[in-house]
């Protein structure tokens, strides 16, 4: 019987693969790390693109700079209707909205912030006083104007009612009509994310 020298034994494919992995372990680990980071970045960017403005309300103030409303956190579940090709939210429960001679009083529900309430007040105002010249961008500006100019401080809870005077709403509408094209163009990226204005 011949005795073979272990140096000349043929390597099996499994042995070759094991040897290749050992020699290239650093490269393999690096590729996995880069892939994991890329996947994480992609996942994060997809998540932030699909977030609704309702959760992060960013708008222009009158001088064109961005402001942020972090008082809202959940998506508004208020029903909506379409007027002049623009979808607007309308509260269907009479307890949530009350009209007086001089104002609209909006009652918060779970997940509402001041922007949600301003949006409902605007929708109710426009129901009674239609204005076909208002675009979705104008409406985003108006609701932001309203939330900044109301007498309310602190958190919004289900016990919160906010009064929006009809005069203030009219001022907000008039102010929105003074926006220049650059400001309106900037608001497009926000209005596109508001379900009520799609």
N, C-alpha and C. Protein backbone atom coordinates (compact mmCIF):
# COMPACT_ATOMS: atom_id res chain seq x y z
N UNK A 1 0.80 -1.18 0.00
CA UNK A 1 0.00 0.00 0.00
C UNK A 1 0.85 1.25 0.00
N UNK A 2 0.41 2.16 -0.83
CA UNK A 2 1.14 3.42 -0.90
C UNK A 2 0.61 4.39 0.13
N UNK A 3 1.51 5.07 0.71
CA UNK A 3 1.13 6.08 1.69
C UNK A 3 1.28 7.44 1.02
N UNK A 4 0.18 8.25 1.03
CA UNK A 4 0.25 9.55 0.37
C UNK A 4 0.74 10.60 1.36
N UNK A 5 1.49 11.48 0.83
CA UNK A 5 1.97 12.59 1.62
C UNK A 5 0.81 13.57 1.84
N UNK A 6 0.52 13.97 3.08
CA UNK A 6 -0.60 14.87 3.34
C UNK A 6 -0.49 16.20 2.58
N UNK A 7 0.70 16.59 2.19
CA UNK A 7 0.88 17.84 1.45
C UNK A 7 0.27 17.77 0.07
N UNK A 8 0.17 16.57 -0.48
CA UNK A 8 -0.31 16.44 -1.85
C UNK A 8 -1.75 15.96 -1.93
N UNK A 9 -2.45 15.92 -0.79
CA UNK A 9 -3.85 15.52 -0.83
C UNK A 9 -4.65 16.61 -1.54
N UNK A 10 -5.65 16.20 -2.30
CA UNK A 10 -6.47 17.17 -3.02
C UNK A 10 -7.43 17.85 -2.05
N UNK A 11 -7.59 19.14 -2.27
CA UNK A 11 -8.51 19.89 -1.43
C UNK A 11 -9.91 19.75 -1.99
N UNK A 12 -10.86 19.55 -1.11
CA UNK A 12 -12.26 19.46 -1.54
C UNK A 12 -12.79 20.88 -1.71
N UNK A 13 -13.90 21.04 -2.44
CA UNK A 13 -14.47 22.38 -2.60
C UNK A 13 -14.81 23.03 -1.25
N UNK A 14 -15.25 22.24 -0.28
CA UNK A 14 -15.56 22.78 1.04
C UNK A 14 -14.30 23.34 1.69
N UNK A 15 -13.18 22.63 1.54
CA UNK A 15 -11.91 23.11 2.10
C UNK A 15 -11.47 24.39 1.40
N UNK A 16 -11.67 24.44 0.09
CA UNK A 16 -11.28 25.64 -0.67
C UNK A 16 -12.13 26.84 -0.25
N UNK A 17 -13.44 26.63 -0.05
CA UNK A 17 -14.33 27.71 0.37
C UNK A 17 -13.93 28.21 1.76
N UNK A 18 -13.62 27.25 2.65
CA UNK A 18 -13.23 27.62 4.02
C UNK A 18 -11.94 28.45 3.99
N UNK A 19 -11.00 28.05 3.17
CA UNK A 19 -9.74 28.77 3.06
C UNK A 19 -9.96 30.17 2.48
N UNK A 20 -10.82 30.26 1.46
CA UNK A 20 -11.11 31.56 0.85
C UNK A 20 -11.76 32.50 1.86
N UNK A 21 -12.72 31.98 2.65
CA UNK A 21 -13.39 32.79 3.67
C UNK A 21 -12.39 33.28 4.71
N UNK A 22 -11.50 32.41 5.14
CA UNK A 22 -10.50 32.80 6.13
C UNK A 22 -9.58 33.90 5.59
N UNK A 23 -9.20 33.78 4.32
CA UNK A 23 -8.30 34.76 3.73
C UNK A 23 -8.99 36.11 3.48
N UNK A 24 -10.31 36.09 3.25
CA UNK A 24 -11.04 37.31 2.89
C UNK A 24 -12.05 37.74 3.95
N UNK A 25 -11.87 37.32 5.17
CA UNK A 25 -12.82 37.61 6.24
C UNK A 25 -13.02 39.12 6.46
N UNK A 26 -11.95 39.88 6.43
CA UNK A 26 -12.05 41.33 6.62
C UNK A 26 -12.93 41.97 5.55
N UNK A 27 -12.73 41.58 4.31
CA UNK A 27 -13.51 42.15 3.21
C UNK A 27 -14.98 41.77 3.36
N UNK A 28 -15.25 40.53 3.72
CA UNK A 28 -16.63 40.05 3.87
C UNK A 28 -17.34 40.83 4.97
N UNK A 29 -16.70 40.98 6.10
CA UNK A 29 -17.28 41.70 7.22
C UNK A 29 -17.52 43.17 6.83
N UNK A 30 -16.56 43.78 6.14
CA UNK A 30 -16.71 45.17 5.70
C UNK A 30 -17.90 45.34 4.77
N UNK A 31 -18.08 44.40 3.84
CA UNK A 31 -19.21 44.46 2.91
C UNK A 31 -20.52 44.36 3.68
N UNK A 32 -20.62 43.46 4.66
CA UNK A 32 -21.84 43.33 5.46
C UNK A 32 -22.13 44.60 6.25
N UNK A 33 -21.10 45.22 6.81
CA UNK A 33 -21.29 46.45 7.58
C UNK A 33 -21.80 47.57 6.67
N UNK A 34 -21.16 47.74 5.51
CA UNK A 34 -21.58 48.78 4.57
C UNK A 34 -23.02 48.52 4.12
N UNK A 35 -23.36 47.27 3.83
CA UNK A 35 -24.73 46.93 3.40
C UNK A 35 -25.73 47.24 4.51
N UNK A 36 -25.39 46.93 5.76
CA UNK A 36 -26.29 47.20 6.88
C UNK A 36 -26.51 48.70 7.05
N UNK A 37 -25.45 49.49 6.91
CA UNK A 37 -25.57 50.94 7.03
C UNK A 37 -26.42 51.49 5.89
N UNK A 38 -26.17 51.03 4.68
CA UNK A 38 -26.95 51.49 3.52
C UNK A 38 -28.42 51.14 3.68
N UNK A 39 -28.70 49.94 4.16
CA UNK A 39 -30.09 49.52 4.37
C UNK A 39 -30.75 50.39 5.45
N UNK A 40 -30.02 50.69 6.50
CA UNK A 40 -30.55 51.55 7.55
C UNK A 40 -30.86 52.96 7.04
N UNK A 41 -29.96 53.52 6.25
CA UNK A 41 -30.18 54.85 5.69
C UNK A 41 -31.39 54.83 4.75
N UNK A 42 -31.47 53.84 3.91
CA UNK A 42 -32.60 53.72 2.98
C UNK A 42 -33.91 53.60 3.75
N UNK A 43 -33.92 52.75 4.77
CA UNK A 43 -35.13 52.54 5.57
C UNK A 43 -35.55 53.84 6.26
N UNK A 44 -34.59 54.56 6.81
CA UNK A 44 -34.88 55.82 7.49
C UNK A 44 -35.42 56.86 6.51
N UNK A 45 -34.80 56.95 5.32
CA UNK A 45 -35.26 57.94 4.35
C UNK A 45 -36.65 57.61 3.85
N UNK A 46 -36.99 56.35 3.70
CA UNK A 46 -38.33 55.96 3.28
C UNK A 46 -39.34 56.32 4.37
N UNK A 47 -38.98 56.10 5.61
CA UNK A 47 -39.88 56.39 6.72
C UNK A 47 -40.15 57.89 6.82
N UNK A 48 -39.12 58.71 6.67
CA UNK A 48 -39.32 60.15 6.79
C UNK A 48 -40.07 60.70 5.60
N UNK A 49 -39.95 60.08 4.42
CA UNK A 49 -40.70 60.56 3.27
C UNK A 49 -42.18 60.27 3.42
N UNK A 50 -42.54 59.18 4.09
CA UNK A 50 -43.94 58.82 4.22
C UNK A 50 -44.60 59.42 5.44
N UNK A 51 -43.81 60.02 6.35
CA UNK A 51 -44.42 60.70 7.50
C UNK A 51 -45.31 61.82 7.00
N UNK A 52 -46.43 61.98 7.64
CA UNK A 52 -47.35 63.03 7.26
C UNK A 52 -46.98 64.31 7.99
N UNK A 53 -47.33 65.43 7.36
CA UNK A 53 -47.10 66.72 7.99
C UNK A 53 -47.82 66.80 9.32
N UNK A 54 -48.92 66.05 9.45
CA UNK A 54 -49.68 66.06 10.70
C UNK A 54 -48.78 65.74 11.89
N UNK A 55 -47.72 64.97 11.66
CA UNK A 55 -46.84 64.61 12.75
C UNK A 55 -45.72 65.59 12.96
N UNK A 56 -45.45 66.45 11.99
CA UNK A 56 -44.27 67.28 12.09
C UNK A 56 -44.47 68.69 11.58
N UNK A 57 -45.60 69.18 11.33
CA UNK A 57 -45.97 70.47 10.79
C UNK A 57 -44.84 71.49 10.66
N UNK A 58 -44.22 71.54 9.49
CA UNK A 58 -43.20 72.55 9.20
C UNK A 58 -43.79 73.53 8.20
N UNK A 59 -43.72 74.81 8.49
CA UNK A 59 -44.31 75.79 7.61
C UNK A 59 -43.43 77.01 7.50
N UNK A 60 -43.83 77.91 6.62
CA UNK A 60 -43.16 79.19 6.49
C UNK A 60 -43.81 80.20 7.42
N UNK A 61 -43.00 80.99 8.07
CA UNK A 61 -43.63 82.11 8.73
C UNK A 61 -43.66 83.26 7.72
N UNK A 62 -44.11 84.42 8.10
CA UNK A 62 -44.34 85.49 7.14
C UNK A 62 -43.08 85.97 6.45
N UNK A 63 -41.92 85.77 7.04
CA UNK A 63 -40.70 86.22 6.38
C UNK A 63 -40.05 85.12 5.54
N UNK A 64 -40.69 83.96 5.44
CA UNK A 64 -40.19 82.92 4.55
C UNK A 64 -39.32 81.87 5.22
N UNK A 65 -39.07 81.97 6.52
CA UNK A 65 -38.25 80.95 7.17
C UNK A 65 -39.13 79.85 7.73
N UNK A 66 -38.53 78.67 7.92
CA UNK A 66 -39.29 77.51 8.40
C UNK A 66 -39.50 77.58 9.90
N UNK A 67 -40.67 77.12 10.34
CA UNK A 67 -40.93 76.95 11.75
C UNK A 67 -41.47 75.54 11.94
N UNK A 68 -41.45 75.04 13.15
CA UNK A 68 -41.88 73.68 13.40
C UNK A 68 -42.90 73.63 14.52
N UNK A 69 -43.96 72.81 14.29
CA UNK A 69 -44.97 72.60 15.32
C UNK A 69 -44.84 71.17 15.78
N UNK A 70 -44.37 70.98 16.99
CA UNK A 70 -44.23 69.62 17.51
C UNK A 70 -45.35 69.26 18.47
N UNK A 71 -46.41 70.07 18.48
CA UNK A 71 -47.51 69.77 19.39
C UNK A 71 -48.38 68.64 18.87
N UNK A 72 -48.23 68.30 17.60
CA UNK A 72 -49.04 67.22 17.04
C UNK A 72 -48.20 65.97 16.94
N UNK A 73 -48.83 64.84 17.09
CA UNK A 73 -48.05 63.61 17.02
C UNK A 73 -48.72 62.53 16.23
N UNK A 74 -50.04 62.51 16.20
CA UNK A 74 -50.73 61.44 15.54
C UNK A 74 -51.49 61.96 14.34
N UNK A 75 -51.81 61.08 13.43
CA UNK A 75 -52.54 61.46 12.23
C UNK A 75 -53.97 61.82 12.59
N UNK A 76 -54.46 62.87 11.97
CA UNK A 76 -55.84 63.30 12.20
C UNK A 76 -56.79 62.33 11.52
N UNK A 77 -57.78 61.86 12.23
CA UNK A 77 -58.72 60.90 11.67
C UNK A 77 -60.06 61.56 11.37
N UNK A 78 -60.08 62.87 11.26
CA UNK A 78 -61.31 63.58 10.97
C UNK A 78 -61.71 63.31 9.52
N UNK A 79 -62.99 63.04 9.25
CA UNK A 79 -63.44 62.83 7.88
C UNK A 79 -63.19 64.06 7.03
N UNK A 80 -63.22 63.88 5.72
CA UNK A 80 -62.93 65.00 4.84
C UNK A 80 -63.93 65.07 3.70
N UNK A 81 -63.95 66.22 3.03
CA UNK A 81 -64.77 66.38 1.84
C UNK A 81 -63.94 67.14 0.82
N UNK A 82 -64.38 67.13 -0.44
CA UNK A 82 -63.63 67.80 -1.50
C UNK A 82 -64.39 69.04 -1.92
N UNK A 83 -63.71 70.18 -1.88
CA UNK A 83 -64.29 71.44 -2.30
C UNK A 83 -63.32 72.09 -3.27
N UNK A 84 -63.79 72.50 -4.41
CA UNK A 84 -62.94 73.14 -5.44
C UNK A 84 -61.71 72.31 -5.75
N UNK A 85 -61.86 70.99 -5.75
CA UNK A 85 -60.75 70.11 -6.07
C UNK A 85 -59.77 69.93 -4.94
N UNK A 86 -60.00 70.56 -3.79
CA UNK A 86 -59.10 70.44 -2.64
C UNK A 86 -59.87 69.78 -1.51
N UNK A 87 -59.27 68.72 -0.99
CA UNK A 87 -59.90 67.96 0.09
C UNK A 87 -59.72 68.69 1.40
N UNK A 88 -60.81 68.89 2.15
CA UNK A 88 -60.71 69.55 3.45
C UNK A 88 -61.40 68.70 4.49
N UNK A 89 -60.90 68.79 5.71
CA UNK A 89 -61.45 67.99 6.79
C UNK A 89 -62.63 68.69 7.43
N UNK A 90 -63.63 67.90 7.78
CA UNK A 90 -64.82 68.42 8.42
C UNK A 90 -65.15 67.51 9.59
N UNK A 91 -65.38 68.07 10.75
CA UNK A 91 -65.77 67.26 11.90
C UNK A 91 -67.23 66.86 11.73
N UNK A 92 -67.54 65.59 11.97
CA UNK A 92 -68.91 65.12 11.81
C UNK A 92 -69.65 65.08 13.13
N UNK A 93 -68.93 65.10 14.23
CA UNK A 93 -69.57 65.07 15.54
C UNK A 93 -69.85 66.50 15.98
N UNK A 94 -71.12 66.83 16.25
CA UNK A 94 -71.44 68.20 16.62
C UNK A 94 -70.71 68.67 17.87
N UNK A 95 -70.36 67.77 18.77
CA UNK A 95 -69.68 68.15 20.00
C UNK A 95 -68.27 68.68 19.75
N UNK A 96 -67.67 68.31 18.62
CA UNK A 96 -66.29 68.70 18.35
C UNK A 96 -66.16 70.12 17.82
N UNK A 97 -67.21 70.63 17.23
CA UNK A 97 -67.12 71.96 16.65
C UNK A 97 -68.40 72.73 16.96
N UNK A 98 -68.20 73.97 17.33
CA UNK A 98 -69.34 74.81 17.67
C UNK A 98 -69.11 76.18 17.05
N UNK A 99 -70.12 76.71 16.40
CA UNK A 99 -70.00 78.03 15.82
C UNK A 99 -70.76 79.03 16.68
N UNK A 100 -70.10 80.13 16.96
CA UNK A 100 -70.77 81.24 17.63
C UNK A 100 -70.87 82.37 16.61
N UNK A 101 -71.41 83.49 17.02
CA UNK A 101 -71.52 84.62 16.10
C UNK A 101 -70.16 85.09 15.61
N UNK A 102 -69.17 85.04 16.49
CA UNK A 102 -67.87 85.62 16.16
C UNK A 102 -66.75 84.61 15.97
N UNK A 103 -67.03 83.32 16.20
CA UNK A 103 -65.91 82.37 16.15
C UNK A 103 -66.37 80.94 15.91
N UNK A 104 -65.36 80.09 15.72
CA UNK A 104 -65.55 78.64 15.70
C UNK A 104 -64.78 78.09 16.89
N UNK A 105 -65.43 77.26 17.68
CA UNK A 105 -64.79 76.64 18.84
C UNK A 105 -64.58 75.18 18.50
N UNK A 106 -63.33 74.75 18.50
CA UNK A 106 -62.98 73.38 18.11
C UNK A 106 -62.52 72.60 19.33
N UNK A 107 -63.10 71.42 19.51
CA UNK A 107 -62.76 70.51 20.62
C UNK A 107 -61.77 69.47 20.11
N UNK A 108 -60.69 69.27 20.86
CA UNK A 108 -59.66 68.30 20.46
C UNK A 108 -60.11 66.88 20.74
N UNK A 109 -59.65 65.96 19.89
CA UNK A 109 -59.79 64.53 20.13
C UNK A 109 -58.39 63.97 20.27
N UNK A 110 -58.30 62.75 20.67
CA UNK A 110 -56.99 62.13 20.88
C UNK A 110 -56.12 62.26 19.64
N UNK A 111 -54.91 62.74 19.84
CA UNK A 111 -53.97 62.89 18.73
C UNK A 111 -53.99 64.25 18.07
N UNK A 112 -54.93 65.11 18.42
CA UNK A 112 -55.01 66.44 17.82
C UNK A 112 -54.00 67.38 18.44
N UNK A 113 -53.55 68.31 17.63
CA UNK A 113 -52.72 69.42 18.08
C UNK A 113 -53.39 70.70 17.62
N UNK A 114 -52.75 71.81 17.86
CA UNK A 114 -53.34 73.09 17.48
C UNK A 114 -53.52 73.20 15.97
N UNK A 115 -52.63 72.57 15.22
CA UNK A 115 -52.75 72.62 13.76
C UNK A 115 -54.00 71.88 13.29
N UNK A 116 -54.30 70.74 13.90
CA UNK A 116 -55.52 70.00 13.53
C UNK A 116 -56.76 70.84 13.78
N UNK A 117 -56.78 71.50 14.93
CA UNK A 117 -57.93 72.32 15.28
C UNK A 117 -58.05 73.53 14.36
N UNK A 118 -56.93 74.13 14.02
CA UNK A 118 -56.94 75.26 13.09
C UNK A 118 -57.44 74.81 11.72
N UNK A 119 -57.03 73.63 11.30
CA UNK A 119 -57.47 73.07 10.01
C UNK A 119 -58.99 72.88 9.99
N UNK A 120 -59.53 72.37 11.10
CA UNK A 120 -60.99 72.18 11.17
C UNK A 120 -61.72 73.51 11.18
N UNK A 121 -61.20 74.48 11.93
CA UNK A 121 -61.84 75.80 11.98
C UNK A 121 -61.84 76.43 10.59
N UNK A 122 -60.74 76.33 9.88
CA UNK A 122 -60.65 76.87 8.53
C UNK A 122 -61.66 76.17 7.61
N UNK A 123 -61.75 74.85 7.71
CA UNK A 123 -62.70 74.10 6.87
C UNK A 123 -64.13 74.55 7.14
N UNK A 124 -64.46 74.76 8.40
CA UNK A 124 -65.81 75.22 8.74
C UNK A 124 -66.06 76.65 8.23
N UNK A 125 -65.06 77.48 8.35
CA UNK A 125 -65.19 78.85 7.87
C UNK A 125 -65.41 78.86 6.35
N UNK A 126 -64.61 78.04 5.64
CA UNK A 126 -64.72 78.01 4.17
C UNK A 126 -66.01 77.34 3.70
N UNK A 127 -66.60 76.53 4.55
CA UNK A 127 -67.90 75.95 4.23
C UNK A 127 -68.95 77.06 4.13
N UNK A 128 -68.86 78.02 5.03
CA UNK A 128 -69.83 79.13 5.09
C UNK A 128 -69.43 80.29 4.19
N UNK A 129 -68.12 80.42 3.93
CA UNK A 129 -67.59 81.53 3.12
C UNK A 129 -66.60 80.98 2.09
N UNK A 130 -67.09 80.31 1.05
CA UNK A 130 -66.18 79.68 0.08
C UNK A 130 -65.25 80.70 -0.59
N UNK A 131 -64.02 80.27 -0.84
CA UNK A 131 -63.04 81.11 -1.52
C UNK A 131 -62.26 80.21 -2.47
N UNK A 132 -62.65 80.23 -3.72
CA UNK A 132 -62.03 79.32 -4.70
C UNK A 132 -60.60 79.70 -5.06
N UNK A 133 -60.15 80.88 -4.65
CA UNK A 133 -58.78 81.29 -4.98
C UNK A 133 -57.75 80.66 -4.05
N UNK A 134 -58.19 80.04 -2.98
CA UNK A 134 -57.25 79.44 -2.02
C UNK A 134 -56.77 78.08 -2.51
N UNK A 135 -55.46 77.94 -2.58
CA UNK A 135 -54.85 76.66 -2.94
C UNK A 135 -54.51 75.90 -1.67
N UNK A 136 -54.06 74.68 -1.83
CA UNK A 136 -53.63 73.89 -0.68
C UNK A 136 -52.50 74.59 0.06
N UNK A 137 -51.62 75.26 -0.67
CA UNK A 137 -50.49 75.95 -0.05
C UNK A 137 -50.99 77.12 0.80
N UNK A 138 -52.00 77.85 0.29
CA UNK A 138 -52.59 78.92 1.07
C UNK A 138 -53.18 78.37 2.37
N UNK A 139 -53.85 77.24 2.27
CA UNK A 139 -54.50 76.66 3.45
C UNK A 139 -53.48 76.20 4.48
N UNK A 140 -52.37 75.65 4.03
CA UNK A 140 -51.30 75.26 4.96
C UNK A 140 -50.79 76.49 5.69
N UNK A 141 -50.59 77.57 4.95
CA UNK A 141 -50.13 78.81 5.56
C UNK A 141 -51.16 79.32 6.57
N UNK A 142 -52.44 79.30 6.18
CA UNK A 142 -53.52 79.82 7.04
C UNK A 142 -53.60 79.05 8.35
N UNK A 143 -53.56 77.71 8.27
CA UNK A 143 -53.67 76.94 9.52
C UNK A 143 -52.47 77.20 10.42
N UNK A 144 -51.30 77.40 9.82
CA UNK A 144 -50.12 77.71 10.61
C UNK A 144 -50.25 79.11 11.24
N UNK A 145 -50.75 80.05 10.47
CA UNK A 145 -51.00 81.42 10.97
C UNK A 145 -51.97 81.37 12.15
N UNK A 146 -53.04 80.59 12.00
CA UNK A 146 -54.04 80.50 13.08
C UNK A 146 -53.44 79.91 14.35
N UNK A 147 -52.69 78.81 14.21
CA UNK A 147 -52.15 78.17 15.41
C UNK A 147 -51.15 79.07 16.14
N UNK A 148 -50.49 79.95 15.39
CA UNK A 148 -49.53 80.86 16.02
C UNK A 148 -50.19 82.06 16.68
N UNK A 149 -51.42 82.36 16.29
CA UNK A 149 -52.06 83.58 16.76
C UNK A 149 -53.27 83.34 17.66
N UNK A 150 -53.38 82.18 18.24
CA UNK A 150 -54.47 81.91 19.17
C UNK A 150 -53.99 82.06 20.60
N UNK A 151 -54.92 82.24 21.49
CA UNK A 151 -54.59 82.34 22.92
C UNK A 151 -54.64 80.95 23.54
N UNK A 152 -53.62 80.17 23.29
CA UNK A 152 -53.54 78.85 23.90
C UNK A 152 -52.07 78.53 24.16
N UNK A 153 -51.82 78.06 25.35
CA UNK A 153 -50.46 77.62 25.66
C UNK A 153 -50.56 76.27 26.35
N UNK A 154 -49.51 75.51 26.27
CA UNK A 154 -49.50 74.19 26.89
C UNK A 154 -49.94 73.11 25.92
N UNK A 155 -50.05 71.92 26.46
CA UNK A 155 -50.38 70.76 25.63
C UNK A 155 -51.86 70.75 25.27
N UNK A 156 -52.16 70.11 24.16
CA UNK A 156 -53.54 69.92 23.74
C UNK A 156 -53.97 68.52 24.19
N UNK A 157 -55.06 68.46 24.95
CA UNK A 157 -55.59 67.18 25.41
C UNK A 157 -57.02 67.04 24.91
N UNK A 158 -57.64 65.92 25.22
CA UNK A 158 -59.03 65.71 24.80
C UNK A 158 -59.99 66.65 25.53
N UNK A 159 -59.52 67.34 26.53
CA UNK A 159 -60.34 68.31 27.25
C UNK A 159 -60.15 69.73 26.71
N UNK A 160 -59.27 69.89 25.72
CA UNK A 160 -58.94 71.21 25.19
C UNK A 160 -59.96 71.66 24.15
N UNK A 161 -60.43 72.88 24.30
CA UNK A 161 -61.24 73.57 23.29
C UNK A 161 -60.52 74.84 22.94
N UNK A 162 -60.41 75.12 21.66
CA UNK A 162 -59.75 76.35 21.22
C UNK A 162 -60.71 77.15 20.36
N UNK A 163 -60.78 78.44 20.64
CA UNK A 163 -61.67 79.33 19.90
C UNK A 163 -60.87 80.06 18.82
N UNK A 164 -61.36 79.99 17.59
CA UNK A 164 -60.74 80.67 16.45
C UNK A 164 -61.73 81.74 15.99
N UNK A 165 -61.38 82.99 16.19
CA UNK A 165 -62.31 84.05 15.81
C UNK A 165 -62.40 84.13 14.29
N UNK A 166 -63.58 84.49 13.81
CA UNK A 166 -63.79 84.63 12.37
C UNK A 166 -62.93 85.76 11.82
N UNK A 167 -62.69 86.77 12.64
CA UNK A 167 -61.83 87.89 12.23
C UNK A 167 -60.40 87.40 12.02
N UNK A 168 -59.91 86.58 12.94
CA UNK A 168 -58.56 86.03 12.81
C UNK A 168 -58.45 85.14 11.57
N UNK A 169 -59.46 84.34 11.32
CA UNK A 169 -59.44 83.47 10.13
C UNK A 169 -59.41 84.33 8.87
N UNK A 170 -60.21 85.41 8.85
CA UNK A 170 -60.22 86.31 7.69
C UNK A 170 -58.85 86.97 7.52
N UNK A 171 -58.22 87.38 8.63
CA UNK A 171 -56.87 87.97 8.57
C UNK A 171 -55.87 86.96 8.00
N UNK A 172 -55.98 85.72 8.43
CA UNK A 172 -55.07 84.68 7.94
C UNK A 172 -55.25 84.47 6.44
N UNK A 173 -56.50 84.46 6.00
CA UNK A 173 -56.77 84.30 4.56
C UNK A 173 -56.18 85.48 3.78
N UNK A 174 -56.42 86.69 4.26
CA UNK A 174 -55.88 87.88 3.59
C UNK A 174 -54.36 87.84 3.57
N UNK A 175 -53.76 87.44 4.67
CA UNK A 175 -52.30 87.35 4.75
C UNK A 175 -51.75 86.31 3.78
N UNK A 176 -52.47 85.20 3.63
CA UNK A 176 -52.00 84.13 2.72
C UNK A 176 -51.98 84.61 1.28
N UNK A 177 -52.84 85.55 0.96
CA UNK A 177 -52.90 86.05 -0.42
C UNK A 177 -51.77 87.02 -0.75
N UNK A 178 -50.97 87.38 0.26
CA UNK A 178 -49.82 88.25 0.02
C UNK A 178 -48.53 87.46 -0.19
N UNK A 179 -48.61 86.12 -0.10
CA UNK A 179 -47.41 85.30 -0.27
C UNK A 179 -46.90 85.41 -1.70
N UNK A 180 -45.58 85.43 -1.84
CA UNK A 180 -45.01 85.47 -3.19
C UNK A 180 -44.86 84.05 -3.73
N UNK A 181 -44.49 83.95 -4.99
CA UNK A 181 -44.39 82.64 -5.65
C UNK A 181 -43.37 81.73 -4.98
N UNK A 182 -42.27 82.31 -4.52
CA UNK A 182 -41.23 81.50 -3.86
C UNK A 182 -41.76 80.88 -2.57
N UNK A 183 -42.51 81.66 -1.80
CA UNK A 183 -43.08 81.15 -0.55
C UNK A 183 -44.12 80.07 -0.82
N UNK A 184 -44.97 80.30 -1.82
CA UNK A 184 -45.98 79.29 -2.18
C UNK A 184 -45.31 78.01 -2.67
N UNK A 185 -44.26 78.17 -3.45
CA UNK A 185 -43.53 76.99 -3.96
C UNK A 185 -42.93 76.19 -2.79
N UNK A 186 -42.40 76.88 -1.80
CA UNK A 186 -41.83 76.21 -0.63
C UNK A 186 -42.91 75.46 0.14
N UNK A 187 -44.11 76.02 0.20
CA UNK A 187 -45.22 75.37 0.93
C UNK A 187 -45.74 74.13 0.22
N UNK A 188 -45.45 73.99 -1.08
CA UNK A 188 -45.94 72.82 -1.83
C UNK A 188 -45.47 71.51 -1.23
N UNK A 189 -44.24 71.48 -0.77
CA UNK A 189 -43.71 70.22 -0.21
C UNK A 189 -44.43 69.83 1.07
N UNK A 190 -45.01 70.82 1.77
CA UNK A 190 -45.76 70.52 2.99
C UNK A 190 -47.23 70.21 2.68
N UNK A 191 -47.82 70.97 1.78
CA UNK A 191 -49.23 70.73 1.45
C UNK A 191 -49.42 69.36 0.80
N UNK A 192 -48.40 68.89 0.09
CA UNK A 192 -48.49 67.58 -0.56
C UNK A 192 -48.57 66.45 0.46
N UNK A 193 -48.09 66.70 1.67
CA UNK A 193 -48.10 65.66 2.71
C UNK A 193 -49.34 65.70 3.59
N UNK A 194 -50.16 66.72 3.44
CA UNK A 194 -51.37 66.83 4.27
C UNK A 194 -52.49 66.08 3.58
N UNK A 195 -52.95 65.03 4.20
CA UNK A 195 -54.01 64.20 3.60
C UNK A 195 -55.23 65.03 3.21
N UNK A 196 -55.57 66.00 4.00
CA UNK A 196 -56.76 66.80 3.74
C UNK A 196 -56.66 67.63 2.46
N UNK A 197 -55.44 67.89 2.00
CA UNK A 197 -55.25 68.77 0.84
C UNK A 197 -54.81 68.02 -0.40
N UNK A 198 -54.80 66.71 -0.36
CA UNK A 198 -54.39 65.94 -1.55
C UNK A 198 -55.53 65.81 -2.51
